């Protein structure tokens, strides 16, 4: 049963950690591995703490939140249009200025009205206090006339100011209202201009990307062609250099082989051999084979002599045990050993002749070694690119030297 206290993903994870029998070490090992520990980890308390951390952590909760929305199609909500804010402040500053001017004119108009009312009351009392005529002649009083004229002019001035402020206030109110009313056309024009700009930008981006793709393809093709031409030229140069170097080394090797063949033929001729035949280019056919056959013949003769001596000794021992006198047996043994001794002497002579021949061979080999050193110095002067070929030639020459040294050592023994 799924525990509702945990997330579904953790429930799936925890099912693999269930231990039915604490004495079952396989279940314990499996639980340790699933929690990231070694199979034979000794501290099970840390394993328990790791399990509690995973149970109380948010990892599986996050997984559940990510998995649940995938179980059903996502719901798309409609986006409401929000009017874009004006980026510049010129319009706002102008509107604020008009509002400030309107407020100042309104205040000025109210102040002028108050002053005009106070003026009317004050001027009426002043002019009424002045006599209209000068007694006793009943002539009109100039002061009274001047007071009335000044009162009329002041009233006319206040009236003009009032009319001017009212007109200005009306104009300002109309301007402010016009700015508010002009917002809608401006927004529409801005939307049209934005669409036009995006359409122009889209065309520009499309054309630019086409040009960039074409340029990249052209540049890639040209660069690939240059690289292919350069690689082909490098390949031709390397192959030509290798062929030329190989031919040069091959020529030196052929010259040295011919020189070595001539000298080995001289050595082989000293051993009563010949350089003619199907295998005349083999080293063993020049020196080693003929000398080795002689050594095998000497060894076979020595073995047969030892067999004859042992047989004679056994026969003589039997005769001496049967015949106490033994004179006849000794004489018989001496007669049998005489041909054996002659063969031994002949073998000694052959061995001495072989040693003498080997002395001459050693002198020739020393000359060969000197010539081989010169050839090696010439080969070492070649470039580093042909190092592998040079090492191969040196190895072959070293094998020849070792073979000759072994043969000389065998003959010296």
Protein backbone atom coordinates (compact mmCIF):
# COMPACT_ATOMS: atom_id res chain seq x y z
CA UNK A 1 0.00 0.00 0.00
CA UNK A 2 1.30 3.40 -0.97
CA UNK A 3 2.00 5.69 1.94
CA UNK A 4 0.29 9.01 1.29
CA UNK A 5 2.84 10.77 3.51
CA UNK A 6 5.51 10.44 0.82
CA UNK A 7 5.61 11.41 -2.82
CA UNK A 8 4.95 8.80 -5.51
CA UNK A 9 8.48 9.07 -6.86
CA UNK A 10 9.94 8.45 -3.41
CA UNK A 11 7.59 5.50 -2.93
CA UNK A 12 8.94 3.95 -6.14
CA UNK A 13 12.48 4.60 -4.95
CA UNK A 14 11.84 3.25 -1.43
CA UNK A 15 10.36 -0.05 -2.65
CA UNK A 16 13.82 -1.16 -3.71
CA UNK A 17 15.16 -0.50 -0.21
CA UNK A 18 12.79 -2.81 1.64
CA UNK A 19 14.61 -5.32 3.88
CA UNK A 20 12.36 -8.22 4.89
CA UNK A 21 15.04 -10.13 6.75
CA UNK A 22 17.80 -8.24 8.59
CA UNK A 23 19.98 -11.35 8.53
CA UNK A 24 19.89 -11.45 4.72
CA UNK A 25 23.15 -9.76 3.76
CA UNK A 26 22.20 -9.57 0.07
CA UNK A 27 19.24 -7.30 0.85
CA UNK A 28 21.45 -5.10 3.03
CA UNK A 29 24.08 -4.85 0.30
CA UNK A 30 21.44 -3.90 -2.27
CA UNK A 31 20.04 -1.17 0.01
CA UNK A 32 23.53 0.24 0.62
CA UNK A 33 24.26 0.40 -3.11
CA UNK A 34 20.94 2.12 -3.92
CA UNK A 35 21.75 4.78 -1.31
CA UNK A 36 25.18 5.41 -2.81
CA UNK A 37 27.36 3.39 -0.44
CA UNK A 38 29.68 0.43 -0.94
CA UNK A 39 28.15 -3.03 -0.74
CA UNK A 40 30.09 -3.88 2.42
CA UNK A 41 29.96 -0.44 4.07
CA UNK A 42 30.38 -0.91 7.83
CA UNK A 43 28.45 2.07 9.25
CA UNK A 44 24.76 1.33 8.77
CA UNK A 45 23.83 4.36 10.88
CA UNK A 46 25.09 6.59 8.09
CA UNK A 47 23.05 4.56 5.62
CA UNK A 48 19.98 5.17 7.79
CA UNK A 49 20.71 8.91 7.96
CA UNK A 50 21.05 9.02 4.18
CA UNK A 51 17.62 7.41 3.83
CA UNK A 52 16.07 9.91 6.27
CA UNK A 53 17.63 12.80 4.36
CA UNK A 54 16.12 11.58 1.12
CA UNK A 55 12.76 11.04 2.80
CA UNK A 56 12.70 14.60 4.18
CA UNK A 57 14.34 16.25 1.19
CA UNK A 58 12.67 18.12 -1.64
CA UNK A 59 14.26 16.20 -4.52
CA UNK A 60 11.37 13.81 -5.01
CA UNK A 61 8.83 16.57 -4.38
CA UNK A 62 10.35 18.55 -7.23
CA UNK A 63 10.17 15.47 -9.43
CA UNK A 64 6.49 15.05 -8.58
CA UNK A 65 5.75 18.66 -9.47
CA UNK A 66 7.55 18.21 -12.78
CA UNK A 67 5.79 14.94 -13.60
CA UNK A 68 2.22 15.93 -12.67
CA UNK A 69 1.79 18.69 -15.30
CA UNK A 70 2.88 16.24 -17.99
CA UNK A 71 -0.07 13.97 -17.22
CA UNK A 72 -2.56 16.38 -18.85
CA UNK A 73 -2.41 18.98 -21.63
CA UNK A 74 -1.25 22.40 -20.47
CA UNK A 75 -3.84 25.17 -20.13
CA UNK A 76 -3.20 28.41 -21.98
CA UNK A 77 -4.56 31.62 -20.46
CA UNK A 78 -5.46 34.64 -22.54
CA UNK A 79 -3.08 37.56 -22.24
CA UNK A 80 -4.67 40.98 -21.77
CA UNK A 81 -3.36 43.96 -23.67
CA UNK A 82 -1.55 46.56 -21.65
CA UNK A 83 -0.97 49.99 -23.12
CA UNK A 84 2.72 50.68 -23.54
CA UNK A 85 4.19 53.46 -21.48
CA UNK A 86 5.56 56.51 -23.24
CA UNK A 87 9.29 56.27 -23.29
CA UNK A 88 9.97 59.99 -23.75
CA UNK A 89 8.98 62.71 -21.21
CA UNK A 90 8.34 65.60 -23.56
CA UNK A 91 4.60 65.06 -23.72
CA UNK A 92 4.34 64.52 -19.99
CA UNK A 93 6.42 67.59 -19.25
CA UNK A 94 4.31 69.74 -21.61
CA UNK A 95 1.12 68.48 -20.03
CA UNK A 96 2.45 69.20 -16.56
CA UNK A 97 3.43 72.72 -17.67
CA UNK A 98 -0.04 73.40 -19.05
CA UNK A 99 -1.64 72.19 -15.84
CA UNK A 100 0.65 74.39 -13.75
CA UNK A 101 -0.15 77.41 -15.95
CA UNK A 102 -3.88 76.70 -15.70
CA UNK A 103 -3.64 76.52 -11.93
CA UNK A 104 -1.72 79.82 -11.80
CA UNK A 105 -4.23 81.58 -14.06
CA UNK A 106 -7.13 80.26 -12.00
CA UNK A 107 -5.53 81.59 -8.84
CA UNK A 108 -4.80 84.93 -10.56
CA UNK A 109 -8.39 85.20 -11.78
CA UNK A 110 -9.77 84.59 -8.31
CA UNK A 111 -7.34 87.12 -6.81
CA UNK A 112 -8.30 89.71 -9.43
CA UNK A 113 -11.99 89.18 -8.66
CA UNK A 114 -11.35 89.73 -4.96
CA UNK A 115 -9.32 92.88 -5.64
CA UNK A 116 -11.99 94.16 -8.02
CA UNK A 117 -14.71 93.72 -5.41
CA UNK A 118 -12.63 95.46 -2.74
CA UNK A 119 -11.85 98.23 -5.23
CA UNK A 120 -15.50 98.79 -6.01
CA UNK A 121 -16.41 99.21 -2.39
CA UNK A 122 -13.41 101.43 -1.59
CA UNK A 123 -13.71 103.63 -4.68
CA UNK A 124 -17.40 104.23 -4.16
CA UNK A 125 -16.79 105.60 -0.66
CA UNK A 126 -13.87 107.74 -1.79
CA UNK A 127 -15.65 109.31 -4.76
CA UNK A 128 -18.85 109.86 -2.76
CA UNK A 129 -16.86 111.76 -0.16
CA UNK A 130 -15.68 114.29 -2.79
CA UNK A 131 -18.15 117.15 -3.49
CA UNK A 132 -19.51 117.13 -7.00
CA UNK A 133 -19.37 121.00 -7.25
CA UNK A 134 -17.31 123.76 -5.83
CA UNK A 135 -19.50 126.19 -3.80
CA UNK A 136 -20.61 128.94 -4.00
CA UNK A 137 -20.20 129.05 -7.81
CA UNK A 138 -21.60 125.53 -8.37
CA UNK A 139 -18.72 124.66 -10.71
CA UNK A 140 -18.13 120.89 -11.24
CA UNK A 141 -15.42 119.59 -8.99
CA UNK A 142 -12.42 118.32 -11.04
CA UNK A 143 -11.38 115.98 -8.25
CA UNK A 144 -14.69 114.22 -8.37
CA UNK A 145 -14.49 113.89 -12.12
CA UNK A 146 -10.96 112.49 -11.96
CA UNK A 147 -11.99 110.00 -9.25
CA UNK A 148 -14.82 108.73 -11.44
CA UNK A 149 -12.53 108.43 -14.48
CA UNK A 150 -9.90 106.52 -12.51
CA UNK A 151 -12.56 104.23 -11.08
CA UNK A 152 -13.88 103.51 -14.56
CA UNK A 153 -10.40 102.83 -15.98
CA UNK A 154 -9.53 100.53 -13.11
CA UNK A 155 -12.76 98.61 -13.56
CA UNK A 156 -12.14 98.33 -17.29
CA UNK A 157 -8.62 97.02 -16.66
CA UNK A 158 -9.86 94.41 -14.20
CA UNK A 159 -12.54 93.39 -16.69
CA UNK A 160 -10.00 92.95 -19.47
CA UNK A 161 -7.75 90.92 -17.19
CA UNK A 162 -10.68 88.72 -16.18
CA UNK A 163 -11.68 88.10 -19.79
CA UNK A 164 -8.05 87.34 -20.75
CA UNK A 165 -7.55 84.88 -17.91
CA UNK A 166 -10.83 83.13 -18.72
CA UNK A 167 -9.86 82.79 -22.37
CA UNK A 168 -6.42 81.51 -21.49
CA UNK A 169 -7.89 79.03 -19.01
CA UNK A 170 -10.28 77.79 -21.67
CA UNK A 171 -7.45 77.36 -24.15
CA UNK A 172 -5.35 75.49 -21.59
CA UNK A 173 -8.22 73.20 -20.68
CA UNK A 174 -8.81 72.50 -24.37
CA UNK A 175 -5.10 71.73 -24.85
CA UNK A 176 -5.04 69.35 -21.90
CA UNK A 177 -8.19 67.63 -23.12
CA UNK A 178 -6.72 67.44 -26.60
CA UNK A 179 -3.60 65.75 -25.30
CA UNK A 180 -5.71 63.14 -23.55
CA UNK A 181 -7.86 62.69 -26.64
CA UNK A 182 -4.78 62.38 -28.86
CA UNK A 183 -3.53 59.38 -26.90
CA UNK A 184 -5.69 56.89 -28.78
CA UNK A 185 -4.58 57.94 -32.29
CA UNK A 186 -1.00 58.11 -31.10
CA UNK A 187 -1.22 54.58 -29.71
CA UNK A 188 -2.74 53.35 -32.95
CA UNK A 189 -0.07 55.09 -34.99
CA UNK A 190 2.60 53.71 -32.66
CA UNK A 191 1.21 50.18 -33.12
CA UNK A 192 1.22 50.61 -36.90
CA UNK A 193 4.73 51.99 -36.81
CA UNK A 194 5.86 49.15 -34.56
CA UNK A 195 4.39 46.59 -36.95
CA UNK A 196 6.06 48.34 -39.88
CA UNK A 197 9.38 48.39 -38.07
CA UNK A 198 9.12 44.69 -37.20
CA UNK A 199 8.20 43.81 -40.78
CA UNK A 200 11.14 45.82 -42.08
CA UNK A 201 13.41 44.27 -39.47
CA UNK A 202 12.18 40.78 -40.37
CA UNK A 203 12.96 41.40 -44.04
CA UNK A 204 16.38 42.75 -43.14
CA UNK A 205 17.14 39.79 -40.86
CA UNK A 206 16.01 37.29 -43.48
CA UNK A 207 18.11 38.89 -46.21
CA UNK A 208 21.08 39.19 -43.85
CA UNK A 209 20.87 35.54 -42.81
CA UNK A 210 20.65 34.45 -46.44
CA UNK A 211 23.74 36.50 -47.27
CA UNK A 212 25.58 35.15 -44.21
CA UNK A 213 24.68 31.55 -45.11
CA UNK A 214 25.80 32.09 -48.69
CA UNK A 215 29.06 33.69 -47.57
CA UNK A 216 29.73 30.91 -45.06
CA UNK A 217 29.05 28.24 -47.70
CA UNK A 218 31.26 30.02 -50.24
CA UNK A 219 34.04 30.56 -47.72
CA UNK A 220 33.78 26.96 -46.52
CA UNK A 221 33.95 25.66 -50.09
CA UNK A 222 36.94 27.86 -50.93
CA UNK A 223 38.73 26.96 -47.70
CA UNK A 224 38.06 23.27 -48.24
CA UNK A 225 39.43 23.55 -51.77
CA UNK A 226 42.55 25.34 -50.50
CA UNK A 227 43.04 22.71 -47.79
CA UNK A 228 42.59 19.87 -50.25
CA UNK A 229 45.09 21.42 -52.65
CA UNK A 230 47.54 22.04 -49.82
CA UNK A 231 47.13 18.52 -48.47
CA UNK A 232 47.61 17.07 -51.93
CA UNK A 233 50.77 19.13 -52.41
CA UNK A 234 52.06 18.05 -49.00
CA UNK A 235 51.25 14.42 -49.81
CA UNK A 236 53.08 14.64 -53.12
CA UNK A 237 56.09 16.27 -51.45
CA UNK A 238 56.18 13.68 -48.65
CA UNK A 239 55.74 10.74 -51.03
CA UNK A 240 58.41 12.11 -53.37
CA UNK A 241 60.82 12.71 -50.50
CA UNK A 242 60.20 9.23 -49.09
CA UNK A 243 60.68 7.62 -52.51
CA UNK A 244 63.85 9.59 -53.15
CA UNK A 245 65.23 8.81 -49.68
CA UNK A 246 64.25 5.17 -49.98
CA UNK A 247 65.91 4.89 -53.38
CA UNK A 248 69.06 6.56 -52.06
CA UNK A 249 69.24 4.27 -49.06
CA UNK A 250 68.41 1.30 -51.29
CA UNK A 251 71.29 2.23 -53.59
CA UNK A 252 73.67 2.43 -50.64
CA UNK A 253 72.35 -0.85 -49.32
CA UNK A 254 72.75 -2.49 -52.76
CA UNK A 255 76.31 -1.24 -53.06
CA UNK A 256 77.13 -2.50 -49.58
CA UNK A 257 75.45 -5.83 -50.31
CA UNK A 258 77.48 -6.26 -53.50
CA UNK A 259 80.66 -5.33 -51.65
CA UNK A 260 79.80 -7.75 -48.85
CA UNK A 261 78.97 -10.44 -51.42
CA UNK A 262 82.38 -10.08 -53.06
CA UNK A 263 84.22 -10.27 -49.74
CA UNK A 264 82.14 -13.21 -48.54
CA UNK A 265 82.87 -14.96 -51.81
CA UNK A 266 86.58 -14.56 -51.09
CA UNK A 267 86.03 -16.02 -47.62
CA UNK A 268 83.93 -18.84 -49.03
CA UNK A 269 86.56 -19.57 -51.70
CA UNK A 270 89.17 -19.91 -48.96
CA UNK A 271 86.98 -22.65 -47.50
CA UNK A 272 87.05 -24.54 -50.81
CA UNK A 273 83.56 -23.38 -51.74
CA UNK A 274 82.07 -21.56 -54.70
CA UNK A 275 79.84 -18.48 -55.02
CA UNK A 276 77.87 -19.88 -57.94
CA UNK A 277 74.50 -21.48 -57.46
CA UNK A 278 70.82 -20.80 -56.88
CA UNK A 279 71.32 -19.56 -53.30
CA UNK A 280 74.42 -17.46 -53.88
CA UNK A 281 72.82 -14.41 -52.24
CA UNK A 282 72.26 -16.14 -48.88
CA UNK A 283 74.77 -15.48 -46.13
CA UNK A 284 74.73 -19.07 -44.84
CA UNK A 285 75.43 -20.35 -48.34
CA UNK A 286 78.53 -18.10 -48.47
CA UNK A 287 80.15 -18.90 -45.15
CA UNK A 288 78.03 -20.52 -42.52
CA UNK A 289 76.62 -23.51 -44.37
CA UNK A 290 79.90 -24.94 -45.64
CA UNK A 291 81.72 -24.39 -42.36
CA UNK A 292 78.79 -25.71 -40.39
CA UNK A 293 78.72 -28.89 -42.50
CA UNK A 294 82.40 -29.40 -41.74
CA UNK A 295 81.75 -28.94 -38.04
CA UNK A 296 78.89 -31.43 -38.19
CA UNK A 297 81.10 -33.94 -39.97
CA UNK A 298 83.82 -33.49 -37.34
CA UNK A 299 81.26 -33.89 -34.57
CA UNK A 300 79.85 -37.04 -36.18
CA UNK A 301 83.33 -38.51 -36.55
CA UNK A 302 84.11 -37.68 -32.93
CA UNK A 303 80.88 -39.34 -31.78
CA UNK A 304 81.57 -42.46 -33.81
CA UNK A 305 85.10 -42.62 -32.37
CA UNK A 306 83.79 -42.36 -28.83
CA UNK A 307 81.34 -45.17 -29.57
CA UNK A 308 84.09 -47.36 -30.93
CA UNK A 309 86.33 -46.64 -27.92
CA UNK A 310 83.56 -47.43 -25.44
CA UNK A 311 82.73 -50.64 -27.31
CA UNK A 312 86.37 -51.67 -27.31
CA UNK A 313 86.70 -50.92 -23.60
CA UNK A 314 83.65 -53.00 -22.76
CA UNK A 315 84.90 -55.89 -24.85
CA UNK A 316 88.38 -55.66 -23.39
CA UNK A 317 86.98 -55.56 -19.86
CA UNK A 318 85.09 -58.76 -20.46
CA UNK A 319 88.10 -60.49 -21.95
CA UNK A 320 90.36 -59.42 -19.10
CA UNK A 321 87.91 -60.82 -16.54
CA UNK A 322 87.92 -64.16 -18.34
CA UNK A 323 91.60 -64.32 -19.18
CA UNK A 324 94.08 -63.43 -16.46
CA UNK A 325 96.97 -63.27 -18.82
CA UNK A 326 95.34 -60.50 -21.06
CA UNK A 327 98.25 -60.22 -23.47
CA UNK A 328 96.25 -61.34 -26.41
CA UNK A 329 93.41 -58.99 -25.48
CA UNK A 330 95.73 -55.99 -25.12
CA UNK A 331 97.26 -56.73 -28.45
CA UNK A 332 93.80 -57.02 -29.97
CA UNK A 333 92.74 -53.73 -28.37
CA UNK A 334 95.86 -52.00 -29.62
CA UNK A 335 95.21 -53.26 -33.13
CA UNK A 336 91.64 -51.92 -32.93
CA UNK A 337 92.69 -48.52 -31.59
CA UNK A 338 95.27 -47.90 -34.27
CA UNK A 339 92.74 -46.90 -36.97
CA UNK A 340 90.88 -44.87 -34.38
CA UNK A 341 94.00 -42.94 -33.45
CA UNK A 342 94.70 -42.32 -37.11
CA UNK A 343 91.22 -40.86 -37.52
CA UNK A 344 91.73 -38.69 -34.44
CA UNK A 345 94.97 -37.39 -35.88
CA UNK A 346 93.20 -36.64 -39.13
CA UNK A 347 90.48 -34.77 -37.22
CA UNK A 348 93.12 -32.76 -35.37
CA UNK A 349 94.67 -31.80 -38.69
CA UNK A 350 91.27 -30.77 -40.04
CA UNK A 351 90.56 -28.72 -36.92
CA UNK A 352 93.93 -27.01 -37.21
CA UNK A 353 93.22 -26.19 -40.85
CA UNK A 354 89.81 -24.82 -39.87
CA UNK A 355 91.41 -22.65 -37.18
CA UNK A 356 93.91 -21.31 -39.71
CA UNK A 357 91.09 -20.56 -42.12
CA UNK A 358 89.15 -18.87 -39.31
CA UNK A 359 92.14 -16.64 -38.62
CA UNK A 360 91.97 -15.41 -42.20
CA UNK A 361 88.19 -15.11 -41.91
CA UNK A 362 88.61 -12.98 -38.79
CA UNK A 363 90.89 -10.59 -40.68
CA UNK A 364 88.31 -10.25 -43.44
CA UNK A 365 85.56 -9.76 -40.89
CA UNK A 366 87.55 -6.92 -39.28
CA UNK A 367 87.77 -5.26 -42.66
CA UNK A 368 84.05 -5.82 -43.12
CA UNK A 369 83.39 -4.18 -39.75
CA UNK A 370 85.44 -1.13 -40.72
CA UNK A 371 83.55 -0.79 -43.98
CA UNK A 372 80.27 -1.26 -42.15
CA UNK A 373 81.14 1.59 -39.79
CA UNK A 374 81.67 3.91 -42.76
CA UNK A 375 78.36 2.82 -44.27
CA UNK A 376 76.63 3.38 -40.93
CA UNK A 377 78.03 6.91 -40.71
CA UNK A 378 76.71 7.67 -44.20
CA UNK A 379 73.30 6.28 -43.34
CA UNK A 380 73.18 8.27 -40.07
CA UNK A 381 73.58 11.50 -42.07
CA UNK A 382 70.12 11.15 -43.60
CA UNK A 383 67.18 13.26 -42.37
CA UNK A 384 65.08 12.44 -39.31
CA UNK A 385 62.07 11.54 -41.46
CA UNK A 386 63.81 8.35 -42.57
CA UNK A 387 64.82 7.33 -39.06
CA UNK A 388 62.74 4.17 -39.20
CA UNK A 389 64.45 2.96 -42.37
CA UNK A 390 67.86 3.77 -40.91
CA UNK A 391 67.09 1.84 -37.72
CA UNK A 392 65.98 -1.14 -39.79
CA UNK A 393 69.24 -1.15 -41.76
CA UNK A 394 71.29 -0.77 -38.58
CA UNK A 395 69.40 -3.68 -37.05
CA UNK A 396 70.11 -5.88 -40.08
CA UNK A 397 73.80 -4.93 -40.04
CA UNK A 398 74.00 -5.64 -36.32
CA UNK A 399 72.45 -9.05 -36.89
CA UNK A 400 75.11 -9.76 -39.52
CA UNK A 401 77.86 -8.72 -37.13
CA UNK A 402 76.45 -10.87 -34.35
CA UNK A 403 76.09 -13.81 -36.70
CA UNK A 404 79.69 -13.48 -37.85
CA UNK A 405 80.89 -13.10 -34.26
CA UNK A 406 78.97 -16.21 -33.22
CA UNK A 407 80.41 -18.16 -36.12
CA UNK A 408 83.92 -16.99 -35.26
CA UNK A 409 83.36 -17.93 -31.62
CA UNK A 410 82.09 -21.35 -32.60
CA UNK A 411 85.06 -21.96 -34.86
CA UNK A 412 87.48 -20.72 -32.19
CA UNK A 413 86.13 -23.25 -29.72
